[in-house]
Amino acid sequence: SLSAEGEPLSTRKQVYALAFAIYGLSEFYRATHNEEALGASQ
């Protein structure tokens, strides 16, 4: 989580959240072929 201003609030790594980041980033790659998004998913 982040503060409203975008500063790290909780820096814990919850695997549930990392999974959703992969889900979103891989879908963004499917939509745009943005190679950086694919790299971040990997």
Full PDB file with SEQRES, HELIX, SHEET, SSBOND, CRYST1, ORIGX, SCALE, CONECT and MASTER records, all heavy atoms in Angstrom:
SEQRES   1 A   42  SER LEU SER ALA GLU GLY GLU PRO LEU SER THR ARG LYS          
SEQRES   2 A   42  GLN VAL TYR ALA LEU ALA PHE ALA ILE TYR GLY LEU SER          
SEQRES   3 A   42  GLU PHE TYR ARG ALA THR HIS ASN GLU GLU ALA LEU GLY          
SEQRES   4 A   42  ALA SER GLN                                                  
HELIX    1 AA1 VAL A   15  THR A   32  1                                  18    
HELIX    2 AA2 GLU A   35  SER A   41  1                                   7    
CRYST1    1.000    1.000    1.000  90.00  90.00  90.00 P 1           1          
ORIGX1      1.000000  0.000000  0.000000        0.00000                         
ORIGX2      0.000000  1.000000  0.000000        0.00000                         
ORIGX3      0.000000  0.000000  1.000000        0.00000                         
SCALE1      1.000000  0.000000  0.000000        0.00000                         
SCALE2      0.000000  1.000000  0.000000        0.00000                         
SCALE3      0.000000  0.000000  1.000000        0.00000                         
ATOM      1  N   SER A   1       0.830  -1.203   0.000  1.00  0.00           N  
ATOM      2  CA  SER A   1       0.000   0.000   0.000  1.00  0.00           C  
ATOM      3  C   SER A   1       0.864   1.252   0.000  1.00  0.00           C  
ATOM      4  O   SER A   1       2.033   1.235   0.404  1.00  0.00           O  
ATOM      5  CB  SER A   1      -0.947   0.021   1.210  1.00  0.00           C  
ATOM      6  OG  SER A   1      -0.213   0.104   2.419  1.00  0.00           O  
ATOM      7  N   LEU A   2       0.244   2.338  -0.448  1.00  0.00           N  
ATOM      8  CA  LEU A   2       0.888   3.646  -0.493  1.00  0.00           C  
ATOM      9  C   LEU A   2       0.011   4.659   0.221  1.00  0.00           C  
ATOM     10  O   LEU A   2      -1.203   4.468   0.364  1.00  0.00           O  
ATOM     11  CB  LEU A   2       1.063   4.104  -1.948  1.00  0.00           C  
ATOM     12  CG  LEU A   2       1.744   3.172  -2.935  1.00  0.00           C  
ATOM     13  CD1 LEU A   2       1.691   3.776  -4.342  1.00  0.00           C  
ATOM     14  CD2 LEU A   2       3.184   2.893  -2.530  1.00  0.00           C  
ATOM     15  N   SER A   3       0.609   5.759   0.645  1.00  0.00           N  
ATOM     16  CA  SER A   3      -0.180   6.878   1.141  1.00  0.00           C  
ATOM     17  C   SER A   3      -0.927   7.512  -0.031  1.00  0.00           C  
ATOM     18  O   SER A   3      -0.654   7.209  -1.202  1.00  0.00           O  
ATOM     19  CB  SER A   3       0.735   7.918   1.791  1.00  0.00           C  
ATOM     20  OG  SER A   3       1.536   8.551   0.792  1.00  0.00           O  
ATOM     21  N   ALA A   4      -1.845   8.390   0.270  1.00  0.00           N  
ATOM     22  CA  ALA A   4      -2.580   9.083  -0.786  1.00  0.00           C  
ATOM     23  C   ALA A   4      -1.645   9.840  -1.712  1.00  0.00           C  
ATOM     24  O   ALA A   4      -1.931  10.019  -2.899  1.00  0.00           O  
ATOM     25  CB  ALA A   4      -3.601  10.032  -0.165  1.00  0.00           C  
ATOM     26  N   GLU A   5      -0.488  10.251  -1.169  1.00  0.00           N  
ATOM     27  CA  GLU A   5       0.489  11.014  -1.958  1.00  0.00           C  
ATOM     28  C   GLU A   5       1.429  10.120  -2.750  1.00  0.00           C  
ATOM     29  O   GLU A   5       2.259  10.617  -3.518  1.00  0.00           O  
ATOM     30  CB  GLU A   5       1.304  11.931  -1.042  1.00  0.00           C  
ATOM     31  CG  GLU A   5       0.508  13.010  -0.342  1.00  0.00           C  
ATOM     32  CD  GLU A   5      -0.359  12.488   0.801  1.00  0.00           C  
ATOM     33  OE1 GLU A   5       0.016  11.453   1.398  1.00  0.00           O  
ATOM     34  OE2 GLU A   5      -1.409  13.102   1.098  1.00  0.00           O  
ATOM     35  N   GLY A   6       1.327   8.794  -2.555  1.00  0.00           N  
ATOM     36  CA  GLY A   6       2.148   7.873  -3.319  1.00  0.00           C  
ATOM     37  C   GLY A   6       3.409   7.413  -2.625  1.00  0.00           C  
ATOM     38  O   GLY A   6       4.273   6.785  -3.256  1.00  0.00           O  
ATOM     39  N   GLU A   7       3.525   7.668  -1.324  1.00  0.00           N  
ATOM     40  CA  GLU A   7       4.696   7.203  -0.568  1.00  0.00           C  
ATOM     41  C   GLU A   7       4.430   5.803  -0.014  1.00  0.00           C  
ATOM     42  O   GLU A   7       3.296   5.502   0.389  1.00  0.00           O  
ATOM     43  CB  GLU A   7       5.007   8.158   0.589  1.00  0.00           C  
ATOM     44  CG  GLU A   7       5.416   9.557   0.144  1.00  0.00           C  
ATOM     45  CD  GLU A   7       6.692   9.550  -0.661  1.00  0.00           C  
ATOM     46  OE1 GLU A   7       7.594   8.741  -0.341  1.00  0.00           O  
ATOM     47  OE2 GLU A   7       6.796  10.340  -1.617  1.00  0.00           O  
ATOM     48  N   PRO A   8       5.451   4.922   0.019  1.00  0.00           N  
ATOM     49  CA  PRO A   8       5.233   3.574   0.555  1.00  0.00           C  
ATOM     50  C   PRO A   8       4.679   3.615   1.973  1.00  0.00           C  
ATOM     51  O   PRO A   8       5.222   4.297   2.838  1.00  0.00           O  
ATOM     52  CB  PRO A   8       6.638   2.955   0.514  1.00  0.00           C  
ATOM     53  CG  PRO A   8       7.334   3.700  -0.576  1.00  0.00           C  
ATOM     54  CD  PRO A   8       6.815   5.106  -0.502  1.00  0.00           C  
ATOM     55  N   LEU A   9       3.601   2.888   2.184  1.00  0.00           N  
ATOM     56  CA  LEU A   9       2.948   2.845   3.489  1.00  0.00           C  
ATOM     57  C   LEU A   9       3.197   1.486   4.135  1.00  0.00           C  
ATOM     58  O   LEU A   9       3.680   1.395   5.256  1.00  0.00           O  
ATOM     59  CB  LEU A   9       1.452   3.100   3.310  1.00  0.00           C  
ATOM     60  CG  LEU A   9       0.637   3.478   4.542  1.00  0.00           C  
ATOM     61  CD1 LEU A   9       1.162   4.756   5.158  1.00  0.00           C  
ATOM     62  CD2 LEU A   9      -0.844   3.638   4.162  1.00  0.00           C  
ATOM     63  N   SER A  10       2.870   0.422   3.421  1.00  0.00           N  
ATOM     64  CA  SER A  10       3.215  -0.933   3.853  1.00  0.00           C  
ATOM     65  C   SER A  10       4.057  -1.561   2.752  1.00  0.00           C  
ATOM     66  O   SER A  10       3.605  -1.688   1.611  1.00  0.00           O  
ATOM     67  CB  SER A  10       1.963  -1.773   4.085  1.00  0.00           C  
ATOM     68  OG  SER A  10       2.310  -3.137   4.312  1.00  0.00           O  
ATOM     69  N   THR A  11       5.274  -1.941   3.106  1.00  0.00           N  
ATOM     70  CA  THR A  11       6.199  -2.487   2.110  1.00  0.00           C  
ATOM     71  C   THR A  11       6.211  -4.012   2.106  1.00  0.00           C  
ATOM     72  O   THR A  11       7.048  -4.620   1.428  1.00  0.00           O  
ATOM     73  CB  THR A  11       7.623  -1.965   2.355  1.00  0.00           C  
ATOM     74  OG1 THR A  11       8.042  -2.359   3.677  1.00  0.00           O  
ATOM     75  CG2 THR A  11       7.685  -0.447   2.240  1.00  0.00           C  
ATOM     76  N   ARG A  12       5.289  -4.626   2.841  1.00  0.00           N  
ATOM     77  CA  ARG A  12       5.236  -6.084   2.854  1.00  0.00           C  
ATOM     78  C   ARG A  12       4.945  -6.595   1.448  1.00  0.00           C  
ATOM     79  O   ARG A  12       4.300  -5.925   0.638  1.00  0.00           O  
ATOM     80  CB  ARG A  12       4.183  -6.602   3.839  1.00  0.00           C  
ATOM     81  CG  ARG A  12       2.769  -6.283   3.461  1.00  0.00           C  
ATOM     82  CD  ARG A  12       1.787  -6.651   4.574  1.00  0.00           C  
ATOM     83  NE  ARG A  12       1.498  -8.069   4.634  1.00  0.00           N  
ATOM     84  CZ  ARG A  12       1.487  -8.775   5.761  1.00  0.00           C  
ATOM     85  NH1 ARG A  12       1.775  -8.205   6.926  1.00  0.00           N  
ATOM     86  NH2 ARG A  12       1.202 -10.061   5.742  1.00  0.00           N  
ATOM     87  N   LYS A  13       5.427  -7.802   1.155  1.00  0.00           N  
ATOM     88  CA  LYS A  13       5.204  -8.413  -0.145  1.00  0.00           C  
ATOM     89  C   LYS A  13       4.182  -9.532   0.033  1.00  0.00           C  
ATOM     90  O   LYS A  13       4.515 -10.633   0.492  1.00  0.00           O  
ATOM     91  CB  LYS A  13       6.519  -8.961  -0.723  1.00  0.00           C  
ATOM     92  CG  LYS A  13       7.615  -7.908  -0.875  1.00  0.00           C  
ATOM     93  CD  LYS A  13       7.290  -6.887  -1.946  1.00  0.00           C  
ATOM     94  CE  LYS A  13       8.224  -5.691  -1.900  1.00  0.00           C  
ATOM     95  NZ  LYS A  13       9.645  -6.014  -2.087  1.00  0.00           N  
ATOM     96  N   GLN A  14       2.953  -9.214  -0.290  1.00  0.00           N  
ATOM     97  CA  GLN A  14       1.871 -10.196  -0.217  1.00  0.00           C  
ATOM     98  C   GLN A  14       1.777 -10.876  -1.570  1.00  0.00           C  
ATOM     99  O   GLN A  14       1.558 -10.216  -2.591  1.00  0.00           O  
ATOM    100  CB  GLN A  14       0.551  -9.504   0.131  1.00  0.00           C  
ATOM    101  CG  GLN A  14      -0.512 -10.411   0.677  1.00  0.00           C  
ATOM    102  CD  GLN A  14      -0.352 -10.695   2.166  1.00  0.00           C  
ATOM    103  OE1 GLN A  14       0.109  -9.838   2.919  1.00  0.00           O  
ATOM    104  NE2 GLN A  14      -0.725 -11.897   2.590  1.00  0.00           N  
ATOM    105  N   VAL A  15       1.943 -12.184  -1.605  1.00  0.00           N  
ATOM    106  CA  VAL A  15       1.980 -12.895  -2.884  1.00  0.00           C  
ATOM    107  C   VAL A  15       0.675 -12.710  -3.649  1.00  0.00           C  
ATOM    108  O   VAL A  15       0.673 -12.643  -4.886  1.00  0.00           O  
ATOM    109  CB  VAL A  15       2.308 -14.387  -2.657  1.00  0.00           C  
ATOM    110  CG1 VAL A  15       2.164 -15.198  -3.938  1.00  0.00           C  
ATOM    111  CG2 VAL A  15       3.736 -14.507  -2.115  1.00  0.00           C  
ATOM    112  N   TYR A  16      -0.430 -12.594  -2.955  1.00  0.00           N  
ATOM    113  CA  TYR A  16      -1.726 -12.304  -3.572  1.00  0.00           C  
ATOM    114  C   TYR A  16      -1.630 -11.040  -4.429  1.00  0.00           C  
ATOM    115  O   TYR A  16      -2.119 -11.006  -5.567  1.00  0.00           O  
ATOM    116  CB  TYR A  16      -2.740 -12.141  -2.454  1.00  0.00           C  
ATOM    117  CG  TYR A  16      -4.166 -11.868  -2.847  1.00  0.00           C  
ATOM    118  CD1 TYR A  16      -5.098 -12.908  -2.891  1.00  0.00           C  
ATOM    119  CD2 TYR A  16      -4.612 -10.580  -3.111  1.00  0.00           C  
ATOM    120  CE1 TYR A  16      -6.436 -12.656  -3.204  1.00  0.00           C  
ATOM    121  CE2 TYR A  16      -5.933 -10.325  -3.436  1.00  0.00           C  
ATOM    122  CZ  TYR A  16      -6.842 -11.365  -3.480  1.00  0.00           C  
ATOM    123  OH  TYR A  16      -8.152 -11.114  -3.794  1.00  0.00           O  
ATOM    124  N   ALA A  17      -1.015  -9.992  -3.898  1.00  0.00           N  
ATOM    125  CA  ALA A  17      -0.896  -8.737  -4.639  1.00  0.00           C  
ATOM    126  C   ALA A  17       0.072  -8.870  -5.807  1.00  0.00           C  
ATOM    127  O   ALA A  17      -0.161  -8.308  -6.884  1.00  0.00           O  
ATOM    128  CB  ALA A  17      -0.441  -7.619  -3.705  1.00  0.00           C  
ATOM    129  N   LEU A  18       1.160  -9.597  -5.615  1.00  0.00           N  
ATOM    130  CA  LEU A  18       2.111  -9.810  -6.719  1.00  0.00           C  
ATOM    131  C   LEU A  18       1.434 -10.570  -7.852  1.00  0.00           C  
ATOM    132  O   LEU A  18       1.684 -10.300  -9.036  1.00  0.00           O  
ATOM    133  CB  LEU A  18       3.335 -10.571  -6.235  1.00  0.00           C  
ATOM    134  CG  LEU A  18       4.137  -9.962  -5.075  1.00  0.00           C  
ATOM    135  CD1 LEU A  18       5.444 -10.731  -4.874  1.00  0.00           C  
ATOM    136  CD2 LEU A  18       4.425  -8.488  -5.293  1.00  0.00           C  
ATOM    137  N   ALA A  19       0.573 -11.516  -7.502  1.00  0.00           N  
ATOM    138  CA  ALA A  19      -0.155 -12.271  -8.520  1.00  0.00           C  
ATOM    139  C   ALA A  19      -1.065 -11.347  -9.323  1.00  0.00           C  
ATOM    140  O   ALA A  19      -1.120 -11.434 -10.560  1.00  0.00           O  
ATOM    141  CB  ALA A  19      -0.968 -13.385  -7.869  1.00  0.00           C  
ATOM    142  N   PHE A  20      -1.765 -10.456  -8.645  1.00  0.00           N  
ATOM    143  CA  PHE A  20      -2.634  -9.544  -9.383  1.00  0.00           C  
ATOM    144  C   PHE A  20      -1.831  -8.571 -10.243  1.00  0.00           C  
ATOM    145  O   PHE A  20      -2.294  -8.155 -11.319  1.00  0.00           O  
ATOM    146  CB  PHE A  20      -3.579  -8.809  -8.441  1.00  0.00           C  
ATOM    147  CG  PHE A  20      -4.869  -9.540  -8.257  1.00  0.00           C  
ATOM    148  CD1 PHE A  20      -5.136 -10.224  -7.086  1.00  0.00           C  
ATOM    149  CD2 PHE A  20      -5.805  -9.589  -9.280  1.00  0.00           C  
ATOM    150  CE1 PHE A  20      -6.317 -10.930  -6.926  1.00  0.00           C  
ATOM    151  CE2 PHE A  20      -6.992 -10.298  -9.133  1.00  0.00           C  
ATOM    152  CZ  PHE A  20      -7.257 -10.969  -7.956  1.00  0.00           C  
ATOM    153  N   ALA A  21      -0.641  -8.217  -9.790  1.00  0.00           N  
ATOM    154  CA  ALA A  21       0.207  -7.372 -10.621  1.00  0.00           C  
ATOM    155  C   ALA A  21       0.595  -8.113 -11.907  1.00  0.00           C  
ATOM    156  O   ALA A  21       0.575  -7.534 -12.997  1.00  0.00           O  
ATOM    157  CB  ALA A  21       1.445  -6.944  -9.845  1.00  0.00           C  
ATOM    158  N   ILE A  22       0.930  -9.396 -11.791  1.00  0.00           N  
ATOM    159  CA  ILE A  22       1.222 -10.198 -12.989  1.00  0.00           C  
ATOM    160  C   ILE A  22      -0.008 -10.264 -13.888  1.00  0.00           C  
ATOM    161  O   ILE A  22       0.083 -10.127 -15.113  1.00  0.00           O  
ATOM    162  CB  ILE A  22       1.669 -11.623 -12.599  1.00  0.00           C  
ATOM    163  CG1 ILE A  22       3.038 -11.590 -11.911  1.00  0.00           C  
ATOM    164  CG2 ILE A  22       1.718 -12.537 -13.827  1.00  0.00           C  
ATOM    165  CD1 ILE A  22       3.487 -12.929 -11.361  1.00  0.00           C  
ATOM    166  N   TYR A  23      -1.161 -10.466 -13.294  1.00  0.00           N  
ATOM    167  CA  TYR A  23      -2.408 -10.565 -14.054  1.00  0.00           C  
ATOM    168  C   TYR A  23      -2.653  -9.275 -14.844  1.00  0.00           C  
ATOM    169  O   TYR A  23      -2.976  -9.299 -16.036  1.00  0.00           O  
ATOM    170  CB  TYR A  23      -3.551 -10.838 -13.080  1.00  0.00           C  
ATOM    171  CG  TYR A  23      -4.841 -11.326 -13.702  1.00  0.00           C  
ATOM    172  CD1 TYR A  23      -4.865 -12.377 -14.605  1.00  0.00           C  
ATOM    173  CD2 TYR A  23      -6.053 -10.740 -13.354  1.00  0.00           C  
ATOM    174  CE1 TYR A  23      -6.061 -12.838 -15.151  1.00  0.00           C  
ATOM    175  CE2 TYR A  23      -7.252 -11.190 -13.894  1.00  0.00           C  
ATOM    176  CZ  TYR A  23      -7.249 -12.238 -14.796  1.00  0.00           C  
ATOM    177  OH  TYR A  23      -8.437 -12.688 -15.338  1.00  0.00           O  
ATOM    178  N   GLY A  24      -2.495  -8.147 -14.169  1.00  0.00           N  
ATOM    179  CA  GLY A  24      -2.719  -6.870 -14.830  1.00  0.00           C  
ATOM    180  C   GLY A  24      -1.657  -6.539 -15.860  1.00  0.00           C  
ATOM    181  O   GLY A  24      -1.973  -6.090 -16.971  1.00  0.00           O  
ATOM    182  N   LEU A  25      -0.406  -6.767 -15.523  1.00  0.00           N  
ATOM    183  CA  LEU A  25       0.692  -6.444 -16.443  1.00  0.00           C  
ATOM    184  C   LEU A  25       0.670  -7.322 -17.687  1.00  0.00           C  
ATOM    185  O   LEU A  25       0.917  -6.838 -18.800  1.00  0.00           O  
ATOM    186  CB  LEU A  25       2.028  -6.595 -15.715  1.00  0.00           C  
ATOM    187  CG  LEU A  25       2.352  -5.513 -14.671  1.00  0.00           C  
ATOM    188  CD1 LEU A  25       3.492  -5.971 -13.775  1.00  0.00           C  
ATOM    189  CD2 LEU A  25       2.692  -4.188 -15.343  1.00  0.00           C  
ATOM    190  N   SER A  26       0.377  -8.605 -17.512  1.00  0.00           N  
ATOM    191  CA  SER A  26       0.332  -9.496 -18.672  1.00  0.00           C  
ATOM    192  C   SER A  26      -0.850  -9.150 -19.578  1.00  0.00           C  
ATOM    193  O   SER A  26      -0.754  -9.252 -20.807  1.00  0.00           O  
ATOM    194  CB  SER A  26       0.277 -10.963 -18.230  1.00  0.00           C  
ATOM    195  OG  SER A  26      -0.842 -11.205 -17.380  1.00  0.00           O  
ATOM    196  N   GLU A  27      -1.957  -8.708 -18.977  1.00  0.00           N  
ATOM    197  CA  GLU A  27      -3.102  -8.279 -19.787  1.00  0.00           C  
ATOM    198  C   GLU A  27      -2.779  -6.975 -20.529  1.00  0.00           C  
ATOM    199  O   GLU A  27      -3.188  -6.796 -21.683  1.00  0.00           O  
ATOM    200  CB  GLU A  27      -4.342  -8.103 -18.913  1.00  0.00           C  
ATOM    201  CG  GLU A  27      -5.638  -7.930 -19.678  1.00  0.00           C  
ATOM    202  CD  GLU A  27      -6.076  -9.170 -20.438  1.00  0.00           C  
ATOM    203  OE1 GLU A  27      -5.565 -10.274 -20.148  1.00  0.00           O  
ATOM    204  OE2 GLU A  27      -6.939  -9.028 -21.335  1.00  0.00           O  
ATOM    205  N   PHE A  28      -2.053  -6.096 -19.863  1.00  0.00           N  
ATOM    206  CA  PHE A  28      -1.629  -4.855 -20.516  1.00  0.00           C  
ATOM    207  C   PHE A  28      -0.712  -5.168 -21.701  1.00  0.00           C  
ATOM    208  O   PHE A  28      -0.815  -4.528 -22.761  1.00  0.00           O  
ATOM    209  CB  PHE A  28      -0.914  -3.959 -19.510  1.00  0.00           C  
ATOM    210  CG  PHE A  28      -0.537  -2.601 -20.037  1.00  0.00           C  
ATOM    211  CD1 PHE A  28      -1.514  -1.674 -20.367  1.00  0.00           C  
ATOM    212  CD2 PHE A  28       0.797  -2.251 -20.206  1.00  0.00           C  
ATOM    213  CE1 PHE A  28      -1.173  -0.411 -20.853  1.00  0.00           C  
ATOM    214  CE2 PHE A  28       1.150  -0.997 -20.690  1.00  0.00           C  
ATOM    215  CZ  PHE A  28       0.162  -0.072 -21.014  1.00  0.00           C  
ATOM    216  N   TYR A  29       0.147  -6.159 -21.535  1.00  0.00           N  
ATOM    217  CA  TYR A  29       0.983  -6.570 -22.659  1.00  0.00           C  
ATOM    218  C   TYR A  29       0.131  -7.139 -23.788  1.00  0.00           C  
ATOM    219  O   TYR A  29       0.386  -6.864 -24.976  1.00  0.00           O  
ATOM    220  CB  TYR A  29       2.024  -7.606 -22.215  1.00  0.00           C  
ATOM    221  CG  TYR A  29       2.851  -8.118 -23.371  1.00  0.00           C  
ATOM    222  CD1 TYR A  29       3.879  -7.347 -23.898  1.00  0.00           C  
ATOM    223  CD2 TYR A  29       2.575  -9.347 -23.953  1.00  0.00           C  
ATOM    224  CE1 TYR A  29       4.624  -7.798 -24.994  1.00  0.00           C  
ATOM    225  CE2 TYR A  29       3.310  -9.809 -25.034  1.00  0.00           C  
ATOM    226  CZ  TYR A  29       4.339  -9.027 -25.542  1.00  0.00           C  
ATOM    227  OH  TYR A  29       5.055  -9.472 -26.625  1.00  0.00           O  
ATOM    228  N   ARG A  30      -0.853  -7.935 -23.454  1.00  0.00           N  
ATOM    229  CA  ARG A  30      -1.753  -8.474 -24.481  1.00  0.00           C  
ATOM    230  C   ARG A  30      -2.427  -7.346 -25.264  1.00  0.00           C  
ATOM    231  O   ARG A  30      -2.664  -7.460 -26.467  1.00  0.00           O  
ATOM    232  CB  ARG A  30      -2.833  -9.355 -23.855  1.00  0.00           C  
ATOM    233  CG  ARG A  30      -2.336 -10.642 -23.228  1.00  0.00           C  
ATOM    234  CD  ARG A  30      -3.499 -11.450 -22.667  1.00  0.00           C  
ATOM    235  NE  ARG A  30      -4.285 -12.076 -23.745  1.00  0.00           N  
ATOM    236  CZ  ARG A  30      -5.481 -12.602 -23.578  1.00  0.00           C  
ATOM    237  NH1 ARG A  30      -6.060 -12.563 -22.376  1.00  0.00           N  
ATOM    238  NH2 ARG A  30      -6.110 -13.165 -24.581  1.00  0.00           N  
ATOM    239  N   ALA A  31      -2.735  -6.253 -24.567  1.00  0.00           N  
ATOM    240  CA  ALA A  31      -3.449  -5.142 -25.193  1.00  0.00           C  
ATOM    241  C   ALA A  31      -2.535  -4.221 -25.983  1.00  0.00           C  
ATOM    242  O   ALA A  31      -2.961  -3.641 -26.988  1.00  0.00           O  
ATOM    243  CB  ALA A  31      -4.189  -4.340 -24.123  1.00  0.00           C  
ATOM    244  N   THR A  32      -1.278  -4.077 -25.537  1.00  0.00           N  
ATOM    245  CA  THR A  32      -0.416  -3.032 -26.096  1.00  0.00           C  
ATOM    246  C   THR A  32       0.902  -3.532 -26.660  1.00  0.00           C  
ATOM    247  O   THR A  32       1.592  -2.783 -27.350  1.00  0.00           O  
ATOM    248  CB  THR A  32      -0.083  -1.997 -25.012  1.00  0.00           C  
ATOM    249  OG1 THR A  32       0.710  -2.636 -23.976  1.00  0.00           O  
ATOM    250  CG2 THR A  32      -1.349  -1.399 -24.403  1.00  0.00           C  
ATOM    251  N   HIS A  33       1.297  -4.768 -26.326  1.00  0.00           N  
ATOM    252  CA  HIS A  33       2.616  -5.312 -26.684  1.00  0.00           C  
ATOM    253  C   HIS A  33       3.755  -4.469 -26.115  1.00  0.00           C  
ATOM    254  O   HIS A  33       4.829  -4.377 -26.722  1.00  0.00           O  
ATOM    255  CB  HIS A  33       2.752  -5.468 -28.203  1.00  0.00           C  
ATOM    256  CG  HIS A  33       1.710  -6.362 -28.795  1.00  0.00           C  
ATOM    257  ND1 HIS A  33       1.669  -7.717 -28.560  1.00  0.00           N  
ATOM    258  CD2 HIS A  33       0.635  -6.073 -29.581  1.00  0.00           C  
ATOM    259  CE1 HIS A  33       0.633  -8.245 -29.198  1.00  0.00           C  
ATOM    260  NE2 HIS A  33      -0.020  -7.273 -29.817  1.00  0.00           N  
ATOM    261  N   ASN A  34       3.502  -3.891 -24.945  1.00  0.00           N  
ATOM    262  CA  ASN A  34       4.519  -3.125 -24.239  1.00  0.00           C  
ATOM    263  C   ASN A  34       5.522  -4.106 -23.621  1.00  0.00           C  
ATOM    264  O   ASN A  34       5.194  -4.852 -22.689  1.00  0.00           O  
ATOM    265  CB  ASN A  34       3.855  -2.268 -23.153  1.00  0.00           C  
ATOM    266  CG  ASN A  34       4.829  -1.401 -22.390  1.00  0.00           C  
ATOM    267  OD1 ASN A  34       5.842  -1.869 -21.902  1.00  0.00           O  
ATOM    268  ND2 ASN A  34       4.496  -0.119 -22.293  1.00  0.00           N  
ATOM    269  N   GLU A  35       6.738  -4.110 -24.140  1.00  0.00           N  
ATOM    270  CA  GLU A  35       7.744  -5.085 -23.715  1.00  0.00           C  
ATOM    271  C   GLU A  35       8.164  -4.888 -22.261  1.00  0.00           C  
ATOM    272  O   GLU A  35       8.509  -5.846 -21.567  1.00  0.00           O  
ATOM    273  CB  GLU A  35       8.966  -5.018 -24.632  1.00  0.00           C  
ATOM    274  CG  GLU A  35       8.705  -5.483 -26.059  1.00  0.00           C  
ATOM    275  CD  GLU A  35       8.440  -6.981 -26.144  1.00  0.00           C  
ATOM    276  OE1 GLU A  35       8.823  -7.714 -25.213  1.00  0.00           O  
ATOM    277  OE2 GLU A  35       7.821  -7.411 -27.149  1.00  0.00           O  
ATOM    278  N   GLU A  36       8.147  -3.658 -21.786  1.00  0.00           N  
ATOM    279  CA  GLU A  36       8.505  -3.412 -20.381  1.00  0.00           C  
ATOM    280  C   GLU A  36       7.485  -4.054 -19.443  1.00  0.00           C  
ATOM    281  O   GLU A  36       7.849  -4.556 -18.372  1.00  0.00           O  
ATOM    282  CB  GLU A  36       8.605  -1.916 -20.119  1.00  0.00           C  
ATOM    283  CG  GLU A  36       9.812  -1.256 -20.793  1.00  0.00           C  
ATOM    284  CD  GLU A  36       9.913   0.215 -20.451  1.00  0.00           C  
ATOM    285  OE1 GLU A  36       9.012   0.737 -19.759  1.00  0.00           O  
ATOM    286  OE2 GLU A  36      10.895   0.846 -20.886  1.00  0.00           O  
ATOM    287  N   ALA A  37       6.221  -4.037 -19.835  1.00  0.00           N  
ATOM    288  CA  ALA A  37       5.181  -4.672 -19.020  1.00  0.00           C  
ATOM    289  C   ALA A  37       5.400  -6.180 -18.962  1.00  0.00           C  
ATOM    290  O   ALA A  37       5.253  -6.806 -17.907  1.00  0.00           O  
ATOM    291  CB  ALA A  37       3.795  -4.352 -19.575  1.00  0.00           C  
ATOM    292  N   LEU A  38       5.757  -6.773 -20.094  1.00  0.00           N  
ATOM    293  CA  LEU A  38       6.052  -8.208 -20.105  1.00  0.00           C  
ATOM    294  C   LEU A  38       7.264  -8.501 -19.232  1.00  0.00           C  
ATOM    295  O   LEU A  38       7.258  -9.466 -18.445  1.00  0.00           O  
ATOM    296  CB  LEU A  38       6.300  -8.690 -21.531  1.00  0.00           C  
ATOM    297  CG  LEU A  38       6.671 -10.165 -21.680  1.00  0.00           C  
ATOM    298  CD1 LEU A  38       5.564 -11.069 -21.129  1.00  0.00           C  
ATOM    299  CD2 LEU A  38       6.956 -10.502 -23.146  1.00  0.00           C  
ATOM    300  N   GLY A  39       8.285  -7.665 -19.337  1.00  0.00           N  
ATOM    301  CA  GLY A  39       9.473  -7.863 -18.506  1.00  0.00           C  
ATOM    302  C   GLY A  39       9.161  -7.766 -17.023  1.00  0.00           C  
ATOM    303  O   GLY A  39       9.690  -8.540 -16.210  1.00  0.00           O  
ATOM    304  N   ALA A  40       8.308  -6.819 -16.652  1.00  0.00           N  
ATOM    305  CA  ALA A  40       7.920  -6.686 -15.244  1.00  0.00           C  
ATOM    306  C   ALA A  40       7.146  -7.919 -14.782  1.00  0.00           C  
ATOM    307  O   ALA A  40       7.344  -8.400 -13.652  1.00  0.00           O  
ATOM    308  CB  ALA A  40       7.074  -5.427 -15.059  1.00  0.00           C  
ATOM    309  N   SER A  41       6.276  -8.457 -15.636  1.00  0.00           N  
ATOM    310  CA  SER A  41       5.543  -9.687 -15.307  1.00  0.00           C  
ATOM    311  C   SER A  41       6.513 -10.829 -15.055  1.00  0.00           C  
ATOM    312  O   SER A  41       6.354 -11.608 -14.096  1.00  0.00           O  
ATOM    313  CB  SER A  41       4.601 -10.068 -16.458  1.00  0.00           C  
ATOM    314  OG  SER A  41       3.656  -9.085 -16.721  1.00  0.00           O  
ATOM    315  N   GLN A  42       7.502 -10.945 -15.906  1.00  0.00           N  
ATOM    316  CA  GLN A  42       8.497 -12.013 -15.763  1.00  0.00           C  
ATOM    317  C   GLN A  42       9.305 -11.854 -14.482  1.00  0.00           C  
ATOM    318  O   GLN A  42       9.577 -12.840 -13.782  1.00  0.00           O  
ATOM    319  CB  GLN A  42       9.414 -12.013 -16.986  1.00  0.00           C  
ATOM    320  CG  GLN A  42       8.704 -12.387 -18.274  1.00  0.00           C  
ATOM    321  CD  GLN A  42       9.490 -12.021 -19.512  1.00  0.00           C  
ATOM    322  OE1 GLN A  42      10.377 -11.166 -19.485  1.00  0.00           O  
ATOM    323  NE2 GLN A  42       9.167 -12.656 -20.633  1.00  0.00           N  
TER     324      GLN A  42                                                      
MASTER        0    0    0    2    0    0    0    6  323    1    0    4          
END                                                                             
